Amino acid sequence: MDESTGRKVHEFLESLGFDSSYVGDVMRSATDAEVMETAAKQGRILVTNDKGFGQLVYNLRKPVTGVILLRLEDEGVENKKNVLRQVLEKSGGELENHFIIATGNIIKKRKL
């Protein structure tokens, strides 16, 4: 879980039984490239609301296990949780090797 997305969303994922790691706990103030590299090494799906990760994946071709990008007008914690729950339900378990963009009512899934 990227720092910008927040600890409460990380805790939400853990409450659902996911093995979630929060950047603010393990590598506070790391650069996006460092976060992405660590997530890839650990085989983790990166959850973020920072669109800069799209540039790392598509323009700089940085390796990644998968990304869920939350592009929301309502950046409130409860909305992030609700949208993330929808992503998880609609993904059919296919998160790895995908770049997923969730804008609230629209979820776009692109194979990497």
PDB file of N, CA and C in Angstrom:
ATOM      1  N   MET A   1       0.843  -1.172   0.000  1.00  0.00           N
ATOM      2  CA  MET A   1       0.000   0.000   0.000  1.00  0.00           C
ATOM      3  C   MET A   1       0.885   1.230   0.000  1.00  0.00           C
ATOM      4  N   ASP A   2       0.704   2.053  -1.006  1.00  0.00           N
ATOM      5  CA  ASP A   2       1.475   3.285  -1.108  1.00  0.00           C
ATOM      6  C   ASP A   2       1.091   4.239   0.028  1.00  0.00           C
ATOM      7  N   GLU A   3       2.045   5.051   0.449  1.00  0.00           N
ATOM      8  CA  GLU A   3       1.793   6.026   1.516  1.00  0.00           C
ATOM      9  C   GLU A   3       0.626   6.943   1.175  1.00  0.00           C
ATOM     10  N   SER A   4       0.533   7.356  -0.077  1.00  0.00           N
ATOM     11  CA  SER A   4      -0.512   8.299  -0.474  1.00  0.00           C
ATOM     12  C   SER A   4      -1.916   7.706  -0.364  1.00  0.00           C
ATOM     13  N   THR A   5      -2.020   6.409  -0.391  1.00  0.00           N
ATOM     14  CA  THR A   5      -3.330   5.761  -0.301  1.00  0.00           C
ATOM     15  C   THR A   5      -3.781   5.628   1.148  1.00  0.00           C
ATOM     16  N   GLY A   6      -2.835   5.430   2.060  1.00  0.00           N
ATOM     17  CA  GLY A   6      -3.146   5.526   3.473  1.00  0.00           C
ATOM     18  C   GLY A   6      -3.157   4.243   4.278  1.00  0.00           C
ATOM     19  N   ARG A   7      -2.847   4.434   5.539  1.00  0.00           N
ATOM     20  CA  ARG A   7      -2.792   3.337   6.503  1.00  0.00           C
ATOM     21  C   ARG A   7      -4.158   2.663   6.691  1.00  0.00           C
ATOM     22  N   LYS A   8      -5.228   3.451   6.722  1.00  0.00           N
ATOM     23  CA  LYS A   8      -6.550   2.864   6.971  1.00  0.00           C
ATOM     24  C   LYS A   8      -6.979   1.923   5.839  1.00  0.00           C
ATOM     25  N   VAL A   9      -6.582   2.231   4.626  1.00  0.00           N
ATOM     26  CA  VAL A   9      -6.899   1.338   3.503  1.00  0.00           C
ATOM     27  C   VAL A   9      -6.061   0.066   3.614  1.00  0.00           C
ATOM     28  N   HIS A  10      -4.816   0.213   4.035  1.00  0.00           N
ATOM     29  CA  HIS A  10      -3.947  -0.945   4.305  1.00  0.00           C
ATOM     30  C   HIS A  10      -4.589  -1.843   5.370  1.00  0.00           C
ATOM     31  N   GLU A  11      -5.048  -1.227   6.473  1.00  0.00           N
ATOM     32  CA  GLU A  11      -5.681  -1.991   7.550  1.00  0.00           C
ATOM     33  C   GLU A  11      -6.956  -2.678   7.067  1.00  0.00           C
ATOM     34  N   PHE A  12      -7.681  -2.015   6.170  1.00  0.00           N
ATOM     35  CA  PHE A  12      -8.880  -2.598   5.576  1.00  0.00           C
ATOM     36  C   PHE A  12      -8.531  -3.881   4.816  1.00  0.00           C
ATOM     37  N   LEU A  13      -7.474  -3.835   3.997  1.00  0.00           N
ATOM     38  CA  LEU A  13      -7.054  -5.030   3.262  1.00  0.00           C
ATOM     39  C   LEU A  13      -6.662  -6.151   4.208  1.00  0.00           C
ATOM     40  N   GLU A  14      -5.939  -5.807   5.259  1.00  0.00           N
ATOM     41  CA  GLU A  14      -5.562  -6.831   6.253  1.00  0.00           C
ATOM     42  C   GLU A  14      -6.803  -7.440   6.892  1.00  0.00           C
ATOM     43  N   SER A  15      -7.822  -6.628   7.164  1.00  0.00           N
ATOM     44  CA  SER A  15      -9.052  -7.145   7.795  1.00  0.00           C
ATOM     45  C   SER A  15      -9.776  -8.123   6.877  1.00  0.00           C
ATOM     46  N   LEU A  16      -9.530  -8.007   5.570  1.00  0.00           N
ATOM     47  CA  LEU A  16     -10.120  -8.939   4.610  1.00  0.00           C
ATOM     48  C   LEU A  16      -9.266 -10.196   4.431  1.00  0.00           C
ATOM     49  N   GLY A  17      -8.122 -10.238   5.120  1.00  0.00           N
ATOM     50  CA  GLY A  17      -7.264 -11.414   5.064  1.00  0.00           C
ATOM     51  C   GLY A  17      -6.125 -11.314   4.072  1.00  0.00           C
ATOM     52  N   PHE A  18      -5.906 -10.146   3.494  1.00  0.00           N
ATOM     53  CA  PHE A  18      -4.806  -9.975   2.548  1.00  0.00           C
ATOM     54  C   PHE A  18      -3.509  -9.668   3.294  1.00  0.00           C
ATOM     55  N   ASP A  19      -2.413 -10.143   2.745  1.00  0.00           N
ATOM     56  CA  ASP A  19      -1.082  -9.859   3.280  1.00  0.00           C
ATOM     57  C   ASP A  19      -0.672  -8.495   2.725  1.00  0.00           C
ATOM     58  N   SER A  20      -0.968  -7.454   3.471  1.00  0.00           N
ATOM     59  CA  SER A  20      -0.724  -6.092   3.019  1.00  0.00           C
ATOM     60  C   SER A  20       0.440  -5.489   3.784  1.00  0.00           C
ATOM     61  N   SER A  21       1.217  -4.699   3.084  1.00  0.00           N
ATOM     62  CA  SER A  21       2.348  -3.995   3.681  1.00  0.00           C
ATOM     63  C   SER A  21       2.165  -2.509   3.370  1.00  0.00           C
ATOM     64  N   TYR A  22       2.344  -1.662   4.371  1.00  0.00           N
ATOM     65  CA  TYR A  22       2.147  -0.222   4.204  1.00  0.00           C
ATOM     66  C   TYR A  22       3.494   0.474   4.089  1.00  0.00           C
ATOM     67  N   VAL A  23       3.704   1.178   2.996  1.00  0.00           N
ATOM     68  CA  VAL A  23       4.984   1.842   2.733  1.00  0.00           C
ATOM     69  C   VAL A  23       5.384   2.759   3.887  1.00  0.00           C
ATOM     70  N   GLY A  24       4.437   3.434   4.491  1.00  0.00           N
ATOM     71  CA  GLY A  24       4.735   4.327   5.605  1.00  0.00           C
ATOM     72  C   GLY A  24       5.350   3.624   6.803  1.00  0.00           C
ATOM     73  N   ASP A  25       5.142   2.322   6.921  1.00  0.00           N
ATOM     74  CA  ASP A  25       5.724   1.538   8.019  1.00  0.00           C
ATOM     75  C   ASP A  25       7.086   0.962   7.661  1.00  0.00           C
ATOM     76  N   VAL A  26       7.263   0.582   6.409  1.00  0.00           N
ATOM     77  CA  VAL A  26       8.461  -0.178   6.046  1.00  0.00           C
ATOM     78  C   VAL A  26       9.505   0.604   5.256  1.00  0.00           C
ATOM     79  N   MET A  27       9.098   1.680   4.593  1.00  0.00           N
ATOM     80  CA  MET A  27      10.069   2.481   3.842  1.00  0.00           C
ATOM     81  C   MET A  27       9.549   3.906   3.646  1.00  0.00           C
ATOM     82  N   ARG A  28       9.291   4.543   4.763  1.00  0.00           N
ATOM     83  CA  ARG A  28       8.734   5.902   4.786  1.00  0.00           C
ATOM     84  C   ARG A  28       9.519   6.832   3.861  1.00  0.00           C
ATOM     85  N   SER A  29       8.797   7.621   3.111  1.00  0.00           N
ATOM     86  CA  SER A  29       9.344   8.641   2.207  1.00  0.00           C
ATOM     87  C   SER A  29      10.192   8.073   1.064  1.00  0.00           C
ATOM     88  N   ALA A  30      10.001   6.818   0.732  1.00  0.00           N
ATOM     89  CA  ALA A  30      10.723   6.220  -0.400  1.00  0.00           C
ATOM     90  C   ALA A  30      10.221   6.824  -1.706  1.00  0.00           C
ATOM     91  N   THR A  31      11.057   6.818  -2.717  1.00  0.00           N
ATOM     92  CA  THR A  31      10.635   7.298  -4.032  1.00  0.00           C
ATOM     93  C   THR A  31       9.682   6.276  -4.657  1.00  0.00           C
ATOM     94  N   ASP A  32       8.931   6.725  -5.652  1.00  0.00           N
ATOM     95  CA  ASP A  32       8.032   5.808  -6.354  1.00  0.00           C
ATOM     96  C   ASP A  32       8.801   4.635  -6.951  1.00  0.00           C
ATOM     97  N   ALA A  33       9.970   4.916  -7.519  1.00  0.00           N
ATOM     98  CA  ALA A  33      10.773   3.847  -8.126  1.00  0.00           C
ATOM     99  C   ALA A  33      11.207   2.833  -7.075  1.00  0.00           C
ATOM    100  N   GLU A  34      11.584   3.306  -5.879  1.00  0.00           N
ATOM    101  CA  GLU A  34      11.982   2.388  -4.797  1.00  0.00           C
ATOM    102  C   GLU A  34      10.798   1.557  -4.325  1.00  0.00           C
ATOM    103  N   VAL A  35       9.632   2.181  -4.231  1.00  0.00           N
ATOM    104  CA  VAL A  35       8.425   1.459  -3.810  1.00  0.00           C
ATOM    105  C   VAL A  35       8.088   0.375  -4.836  1.00  0.00           C
ATOM    106  N   MET A  36       8.128   0.740  -6.107  1.00  0.00           N
ATOM    107  CA  MET A  36       7.798  -0.221  -7.157  1.00  0.00           C
ATOM    108  C   MET A  36       8.795  -1.376  -7.182  1.00  0.00           C
ATOM    109  N   GLU A  37      10.066  -1.067  -7.037  1.00  0.00           N
ATOM    110  CA  GLU A  37      11.098  -2.110  -7.043  1.00  0.00           C
ATOM    111  C   GLU A  37      10.901  -3.081  -5.884  1.00  0.00           C
ATOM    112  N   THR A  38      10.613  -2.544  -4.709  1.00  0.00           N
ATOM    113  CA  THR A  38      10.391  -3.396  -3.535  1.00  0.00           C
ATOM    114  C   THR A  38       9.149  -4.260  -3.721  1.00  0.00           C
ATOM    115  N   ALA A  39       8.075  -3.671  -4.210  1.00  0.00           N
ATOM    116  CA  ALA A  39       6.843  -4.437  -4.449  1.00  0.00           C
ATOM    117  C   ALA A  39       7.093  -5.566  -5.441  1.00  0.00           C
ATOM    118  N   ALA A  40       7.844  -5.276  -6.501  1.00  0.00           N
ATOM    119  CA  ALA A  40       8.142  -6.304  -7.503  1.00  0.00           C
ATOM    120  C   ALA A  40       8.976  -7.427  -6.905  1.00  0.00           C
ATOM    121  N   LYS A  41       9.996  -7.068  -6.126  1.00  0.00           N
ATOM    122  CA  LYS A  41      10.857  -8.088  -5.502  1.00  0.00           C
ATOM    123  C   LYS A  41      10.067  -8.986  -4.556  1.00  0.00           C
ATOM    124  N   GLN A  42       9.068  -8.396  -3.881  1.00  0.00           N
ATOM    125  CA  GLN A  42       8.266  -9.159  -2.920  1.00  0.00           C
ATOM    126  C   GLN A  42       7.038  -9.800  -3.557  1.00  0.00           C
ATOM    127  N   GLY A  43       6.848  -9.586  -4.853  1.00  0.00           N
ATOM    128  CA  GLY A  43       5.699 -10.168  -5.545  1.00  0.00           C
ATOM    129  C   GLY A  43       4.377  -9.578  -5.100  1.00  0.00           C
ATOM    130  N   ARG A  44       4.375  -8.288  -4.767  1.00  0.00           N
ATOM    131  CA  ARG A  44       3.165  -7.635  -4.264  1.00  0.00           C
ATOM    132  C   ARG A  44       2.486  -6.794  -5.341  1.00  0.00           C
ATOM    133  N   ILE A  45       1.181  -6.691  -5.233  1.00  0.00           N
ATOM    134  CA  ILE A  45       0.383  -5.794  -6.051  1.00  0.00           C
ATOM    135  C   ILE A  45       0.449  -4.426  -5.374  1.00  0.00           C
ATOM    136  N   LEU A  46       0.778  -3.407  -6.128  1.00  0.00           N
ATOM    137  CA  LEU A  46       0.889  -2.069  -5.577  1.00  0.00           C
ATOM    138  C   LEU A  46      -0.462  -1.377  -5.672  1.00  0.00           C
ATOM    139  N   VAL A  47      -0.962  -0.890  -4.540  1.00  0.00           N
ATOM    140  CA  VAL A  47      -2.200  -0.116  -4.507  1.00  0.00           C
ATOM    141  C   VAL A  47      -1.807   1.331  -4.245  1.00  0.00           C
ATOM    142  N   THR A  48      -2.237   2.228  -5.127  1.00  0.00           N
ATOM    143  CA  THR A  48      -1.819   3.619  -5.037  1.00  0.00           C
ATOM    144  C   THR A  48      -2.894   4.535  -5.601  1.00  0.00           C
ATOM    145  N   ASN A  49      -2.788   5.809  -5.271  1.00  0.00           N
ATOM    146  CA  ASN A  49      -3.596   6.816  -5.949  1.00  0.00           C
ATOM    147  C   ASN A  49      -2.678   7.844  -6.624  1.00  0.00           C
ATOM    148  N   ASP A  50      -1.427   7.447  -6.844  1.00  0.00           N
ATOM    149  CA  ASP A  50      -0.405   8.289  -7.461  1.00  0.00           C
ATOM    150  C   ASP A  50      -0.218   7.846  -8.912  1.00  0.00           C
ATOM    151  N   LYS A  51      -0.678   8.675  -9.859  1.00  0.00           N
ATOM    152  CA  LYS A  51      -0.610   8.282 -11.265  1.00  0.00           C
ATOM    153  C   LYS A  51       0.813   8.236 -11.809  1.00  0.00           C
ATOM    154  N   GLY A  52       1.804   8.695 -11.039  1.00  0.00           N
ATOM    155  CA  GLY A  52       3.197   8.611 -11.454  1.00  0.00           C
ATOM    156  C   GLY A  52       3.665   7.178 -11.663  1.00  0.00           C
ATOM    157  N   PHE A  53       2.990   6.221 -11.031  1.00  0.00           N
ATOM    158  CA  PHE A  53       3.372   4.818 -11.213  1.00  0.00           C
ATOM    159  C   PHE A  53       3.070   4.342 -12.633  1.00  0.00           C
ATOM    160  N   GLY A  54       2.092   4.955 -13.279  1.00  0.00           N
ATOM    161  CA  GLY A  54       1.811   4.626 -14.678  1.00  0.00           C
ATOM    162  C   GLY A  54       2.995   4.955 -15.565  1.00  0.00           C
ATOM    163  N   GLN A  55       3.648   6.072 -15.298  1.00  0.00           N
ATOM    164  CA  GLN A  55       4.830   6.444 -16.076  1.00  0.00           C
ATOM    165  C   GLN A  55       5.951   5.435 -15.856  1.00  0.00           C
ATOM    166  N   LEU A  56       6.133   4.989 -14.619  1.00  0.00           N
ATOM    167  CA  LEU A  56       7.178   4.007 -14.338  1.00  0.00           C
ATOM    168  C   LEU A  56       6.923   2.697 -15.079  1.00  0.00           C
ATOM    169  N   VAL A  57       5.671   2.285 -15.129  1.00  0.00           N
ATOM    170  CA  VAL A  57       5.327   1.013 -15.771  1.00  0.00           C
ATOM    171  C   VAL A  57       5.379   1.130 -17.294  1.00  0.00           C
ATOM    172  N   TYR A  58       4.724   2.141 -17.840  1.00  0.00           N
ATOM    173  CA  TYR A  58       4.559   2.205 -19.291  1.00  0.00           C
ATOM    174  C   TYR A  58       5.671   2.961 -20.020  1.00  0.00           C
ATOM    175  N   ASN A  59       6.180   4.020 -19.447  1.00  0.00           N
ATOM    176  CA  ASN A  59       7.224   4.787 -20.137  1.00  0.00           C
ATOM    177  C   ASN A  59       8.627   4.276 -19.826  1.00  0.00           C
ATOM    178  N   LEU A  60       8.872   3.951 -18.561  1.00  0.00           N
ATOM    179  CA  LEU A  60      10.206   3.511 -18.160  1.00  0.00           C
ATOM    180  C   LEU A  60      10.345   2.000 -18.086  1.00  0.00           C
ATOM    181  N   ARG A  61       9.224   1.291 -18.295  1.00  0.00           N
ATOM    182  CA  ARG A  61       9.216  -0.185 -18.339  1.00  0.00           C
ATOM    183  C   ARG A  61       9.780  -0.836 -17.077  1.00  0.00           C
ATOM    184  N   LYS A  62       9.495  -0.242 -15.927  1.00  0.00           N
ATOM    185  CA  LYS A  62       9.935  -0.820 -14.652  1.00  0.00           C
ATOM    186  C   LYS A  62       9.130  -2.089 -14.386  1.00  0.00           C
ATOM    187  N   PRO A  63       9.790  -3.141 -13.891  1.00  0.00           N
ATOM    188  CA  PRO A  63       9.063  -4.378 -13.604  1.00  0.00           C
ATOM    189  C   PRO A  63       8.118  -4.197 -12.414  1.00  0.00           C
ATOM    190  N   VAL A  64       6.987  -4.871 -12.490  1.00  0.00           N
ATOM    191  CA  VAL A  64       5.984  -4.778 -11.427  1.00  0.00           C
ATOM    192  C   VAL A  64       5.120  -6.042 -11.466  1.00  0.00           C
ATOM    193  N   THR A  65       4.654  -6.457 -10.306  1.00  0.00           N
ATOM    194  CA  THR A  65       3.766  -7.618 -10.231  1.00  0.00           C
ATOM    195  C   THR A  65       2.366  -7.242 -10.677  1.00  0.00           C
ATOM    196  N   GLY A  66       1.954  -6.037 -10.329  1.00  0.00           N
ATOM    197  CA  GLY A  66       0.634  -5.527 -10.687  1.00  0.00           C
ATOM    198  C   GLY A  66       0.394  -4.215  -9.970  1.00  0.00           C
ATOM    199  N   VAL A  67      -0.536  -3.412 -10.506  1.00  0.00           N
ATOM    200  CA  VAL A  67      -0.852  -2.119  -9.915  1.00  0.00           C
ATOM    201  C   VAL A  67      -2.359  -1.925  -9.907  1.00  0.00           C
ATOM    202  N   ILE A  68      -2.867  -1.409  -8.795  1.00  0.00           N
ATOM    203  CA  ILE A  68      -4.242  -0.924  -8.714  1.00  0.00           C
ATOM    204  C   ILE A  68      -4.132   0.567  -8.452  1.00  0.00           C
ATOM    205  N   LEU A  69      -4.538   1.361  -9.430  1.00  0.00           N
ATOM    206  CA  LEU A  69      -4.469   2.815  -9.339  1.00  0.00           C
ATOM    207  C   LEU A  69      -5.868   3.359  -9.069  1.00  0.00           C
ATOM    208  N   LEU A  70      -6.030   3.993  -7.925  1.00  0.00           N
ATOM    209  CA  LEU A  70      -7.307   4.596  -7.551  1.00  0.00           C
ATOM    210  C   LEU A  70      -7.301   6.053  -8.003  1.00  0.00           C
ATOM    211  N   ARG A  71      -8.098   6.379  -9.006  1.00  0.00           N
ATOM    212  CA  ARG A  71      -8.217   7.749  -9.536  1.00  0.00           C
ATOM    213  C   ARG A  71      -9.608   8.245  -9.166  1.00  0.00           C
ATOM    214  N   LEU A  72      -9.738   8.763  -7.966  1.00  0.00           N
ATOM    215  CA  LEU A  72     -11.049   9.065  -7.407  1.00  0.00           C
ATOM    216  C   LEU A  72     -11.246  10.550  -7.163  1.00  0.00           C
ATOM    217  N   GLU A  73     -12.458  11.038  -7.452  1.00  0.00           N
ATOM    218  CA  GLU A  73     -12.801  12.413  -7.084  1.00  0.00           C
ATOM    219  C   GLU A  73     -12.940  12.508  -5.574  1.00  0.00           C
ATOM    220  N   ASP A  74     -13.579  11.516  -4.986  1.00  0.00           N
ATOM    221  CA  ASP A  74     -13.749  11.456  -3.529  1.00  0.00           C
ATOM    222  C   ASP A  74     -12.595  10.637  -2.962  1.00  0.00           C
ATOM    223  N   GLU A  75     -11.601  11.315  -2.391  1.00  0.00           N
ATOM    224  CA  GLU A  75     -10.413  10.662  -1.844  1.00  0.00           C
ATOM    225  C   GLU A  75     -10.596  10.226  -0.384  1.00  0.00           C
ATOM    226  N   GLY A  76     -11.829  10.233   0.095  1.00  0.00           N
ATOM    227  CA  GLY A  76     -12.090   9.808   1.466  1.00  0.00           C
ATOM    228  C   GLY A  76     -11.783   8.335   1.668  1.00  0.00           C
ATOM    229  N   VAL A  77     -11.431   7.996   2.883  1.00  0.00           N
ATOM    230  CA  VAL A  77     -11.051   6.623   3.208  1.00  0.00           C
ATOM    231  C   VAL A  77     -12.168   5.633   2.882  1.00  0.00           C
ATOM    232  N   GLU A  78     -13.391   5.959   3.251  1.00  0.00           N
ATOM    233  CA  GLU A  78     -14.493   5.023   3.017  1.00  0.00           C
ATOM    234  C   GLU A  78     -14.711   4.792   1.527  1.00  0.00           C
ATOM    235  N   ASN A  79     -14.569   5.836   0.720  1.00  0.00           N
ATOM    236  CA  ASN A  79     -14.717   5.655  -0.720  1.00  0.00           C
ATOM    237  C   ASN A  79     -13.589   4.802  -1.278  1.00  0.00           C
ATOM    238  N   LYS A  80     -12.365   5.033  -0.807  1.00  0.00           N
ATOM    239  CA  LYS A  80     -11.239   4.202  -1.260  1.00  0.00           C
ATOM    240  C   LYS A  80     -11.506   2.731  -0.930  1.00  0.00           C
ATOM    241  N   LYS A  81     -11.990   2.471   0.263  1.00  0.00           N
ATOM    242  CA  LYS A  81     -12.291   1.089   0.665  1.00  0.00           C
ATOM    243  C   LYS A  81     -13.369   0.491  -0.227  1.00  0.00           C
ATOM    244  N   ASN A  82     -14.436   1.243  -0.462  1.00  0.00           N
ATOM    245  CA  ASN A  82     -15.537   0.730  -1.281  1.00  0.00           C
ATOM    246  C   ASN A  82     -15.089   0.431  -2.705  1.00  0.00           C
ATOM    247  N   VAL A  83     -14.314   1.332  -3.290  1.00  0.00           N
ATOM    248  CA  VAL A  83     -13.843   1.125  -4.658  1.00  0.00           C
ATOM    249  C   VAL A  83     -12.873  -0.049  -4.711  1.00  0.00           C
ATOM    250  N   LEU A  84     -11.992  -0.139  -3.734  1.00  0.00           N
ATOM    251  CA  LEU A  84     -11.046  -1.258  -3.697  1.00  0.00           C
ATOM    252  C   LEU A  84     -11.782  -2.583  -3.542  1.00  0.00           C
ATOM    253  N   ARG A  85     -12.825  -2.592  -2.730  1.00  0.00           N
ATOM    254  CA  ARG A  85     -13.640  -3.817  -2.583  1.00  0.00           C
ATOM    255  C   ARG A  85     -14.239  -4.210  -3.938  1.00  0.00           C
ATOM    256  N   GLN A  86     -14.745  -3.230  -4.693  1.00  0.00           N
ATOM    257  CA  GLN A  86     -15.303  -3.504  -6.025  1.00  0.00           C
ATOM    258  C   GLN A  86     -14.241  -4.068  -6.958  1.00  0.00           C
ATOM    259  N   VAL A  87     -13.059  -3.489  -6.914  1.00  0.00           N
ATOM    260  CA  VAL A  87     -11.962  -3.986  -7.755  1.00  0.00           C
ATOM    261  C   VAL A  87     -11.676  -5.445  -7.432  1.00  0.00           C
ATOM    262  N   LEU A  88     -11.575  -5.755  -6.149  1.00  0.00           N
ATOM    263  CA  LEU A  88     -11.271  -7.121  -5.734  1.00  0.00           C
ATOM    264  C   LEU A  88     -12.369  -8.086  -6.148  1.00  0.00           C
ATOM    265  N   GLU A  89     -13.627  -7.666  -6.012  1.00  0.00           N
ATOM    266  CA  GLU A  89     -14.755  -8.529  -6.379  1.00  0.00           C
ATOM    267  C   GLU A  89     -14.838  -8.746  -7.886  1.00  0.00           C
ATOM    268  N   LYS A  90     -14.569  -7.696  -8.665  1.00  0.00           N
ATOM    269  CA  LYS A  90     -14.724  -7.781 -10.113  1.00  0.00           C
ATOM    270  C   LYS A  90     -13.484  -8.296 -10.840  1.00  0.00           C
ATOM    271  N   SER A  91     -12.378  -8.394 -10.134  1.00  0.00           N
ATOM    272  CA  SER A  91     -11.134  -8.813 -10.791  1.00  0.00           C
ATOM    273  C   SER A  91     -11.088 -10.304 -11.071  1.00  0.00           C
ATOM    274  N   GLY A  92     -11.923 -11.056 -10.399  1.00  0.00           N
ATOM    275  CA  GLY A  92     -11.902 -12.499 -10.586  1.00  0.00           C
ATOM    276  C   GLY A  92     -10.585 -13.114 -10.144  1.00  0.00           C
ATOM    277  N   GLY A  93      -9.908 -12.458  -9.203  1.00  0.00           N
ATOM    278  CA  GLY A  93      -8.631 -12.964  -8.714  1.00  0.00           C
ATOM    279  C   GLY A  93      -7.459 -12.670  -9.637  1.00  0.00           C
ATOM    280  N   GLU A  94      -7.716 -11.995 -10.743  1.00  0.00           N
ATOM    281  CA  GLU A  94      -6.655 -11.685 -11.700  1.00  0.00           C
ATOM    282  C   GLU A  94      -6.102 -10.289 -11.438  1.00  0.00           C
ATOM    283  N   LEU A  95      -5.153 -10.207 -10.529  1.00  0.00           N
ATOM    284  CA  LEU A  95      -4.508  -8.944 -10.217  1.00  0.00           C
ATOM    285  C   LEU A  95      -3.072  -8.930 -10.726  1.00  0.00           C
ATOM    286  N   GLU A  96      -2.414 -10.061 -10.617  1.00  0.00           N
ATOM    287  CA  GLU A  96      -1.029 -10.145 -11.076  1.00  0.00           C
ATOM    288  C   GLU A  96      -0.959  -9.895 -12.577  1.00  0.00           C
ATOM    289  N   ASN A  97       0.113  -9.194 -12.975  1.00  0.00           N
ATOM    290  CA  ASN A  97       0.363  -8.876 -14.384  1.00  0.00           C
ATOM    291  C   ASN A  97      -0.730  -8.021 -15.002  1.00  0.00           C
ATOM    292  N   HIS A  98      -1.385  -7.202 -14.156  1.00  0.00           N
ATOM    293  CA  HIS A  98      -2.399  -6.280 -14.647  1.00  0.00           C
ATOM    294  C   HIS A  98      -2.173  -4.888 -14.057  1.00  0.00           C
ATOM    295  N   PHE A  99      -2.523  -3.889 -14.839  1.00  0.00           N
ATOM    296  CA  PHE A  99      -2.567  -2.507 -14.372  1.00  0.00           C
ATOM    297  C   PHE A  99      -4.044  -2.153 -14.365  1.00  0.00           C
ATOM    298  N   ILE A 100      -4.579  -1.934 -13.175  1.00  0.00           N
ATOM    299  CA  ILE A 100      -6.005  -1.688 -13.011  1.00  0.00           C
ATOM    300  C   ILE A 100      -6.201  -0.238 -12.590  1.00  0.00           C
ATOM    301  N   ILE A 101      -7.081   0.449 -13.291  1.00  0.00           N
ATOM    302  CA  ILE A 101      -7.423   1.824 -12.938  1.00  0.00           C
ATOM    303  C   ILE A 101      -8.885   1.840 -12.514  1.00  0.00           C
ATOM    304  N   ALA A 102      -9.123   2.325 -11.304  1.00  0.00           N
ATOM    305  CA  ALA A 102     -10.482   2.416 -10.780  1.00  0.00           C
ATOM    306  C   ALA A 102     -10.830   3.885 -10.557  1.00  0.00           C
ATOM    307  N   THR A 103     -11.888   4.330 -11.221  1.00  0.00           N
ATOM    308  CA  THR A 103     -12.309   5.722 -11.098  1.00  0.00           C
ATOM    309  C   THR A 103     -13.586   5.855 -10.293  1.00  0.00           C
ATOM    310  N   GLY A 104     -13.951   4.843  -9.605  1.00  0.00           N
ATOM    311  CA  GLY A 104     -15.192   4.840  -8.831  1.00  0.00           C
ATOM    312  C   GLY A 104     -16.149   3.845  -9.455  1.00  0.00           C
ATOM    313  N   ASN A 105     -16.904   4.303 -10.453  1.00  0.00           N
ATOM    314  CA  ASN A 105     -17.868   3.405 -11.077  1.00  0.00           C
ATOM    315  C   ASN A 105     -17.305   2.695 -12.304  1.00  0.00           C
ATOM    316  N   ILE A 106     -16.094   3.051 -12.720  1.00  0.00           N
ATOM    317  CA  ILE A 106     -15.468   2.407 -13.875  1.00  0.00           C
ATOM    318  C   ILE A 106     -14.150   1.756 -13.446  1.00  0.00           C
ATOM    319  N   ILE A 107     -13.978   0.495 -13.849  1.00  0.00           N
ATOM    320  CA  ILE A 107     -12.738  -0.223 -13.569  1.00  0.00           C
ATOM    321  C   ILE A 107     -12.160  -0.691 -14.890  1.00  0.00           C
ATOM    322  N   LYS A 108     -10.961  -0.208 -15.198  1.00  0.00           N
ATOM    323  CA  LYS A 108     -10.282  -0.606 -16.435  1.00  0.00           C
ATOM    324  C   LYS A 108      -9.123  -1.516 -16.064  1.00  0.00           C
ATOM    325  N   LYS A 109      -9.033  -2.629 -16.747  1.00  0.00           N
ATOM    326  CA  LYS A 109      -8.015  -3.634 -16.445  1.00  0.00           C
ATOM    327  C   LYS A 109      -7.200  -3.883 -17.705  1.00  0.00           C
ATOM    328  N   ARG A 110      -5.898  -3.689 -17.582  1.00  0.00           N
ATOM    329  CA  ARG A 110      -5.003  -3.853 -18.730  1.00  0.00           C
ATOM    330  C   ARG A 110      -3.898  -4.839 -18.386  1.00  0.00           C
ATOM    331  N   LYS A 111      -3.741  -5.840 -19.227  1.00  0.00           N
ATOM    332  CA  LYS A 111      -2.687  -6.832 -19.009  1.00  0.00           C
ATOM    333  C   LYS A 111      -1.333  -6.199 -19.273  1.00  0.00           C
ATOM    334  N   LEU A 112      -0.382  -6.507 -18.397  1.00  0.00           N
ATOM    335  CA  LEU A 112       0.984  -5.984 -18.550  1.00  0.00           C
ATOM    336  C   LEU A 112       1.812  -6.910 -19.414  1.00  0.00           C
TER     337      LEU A 112
END
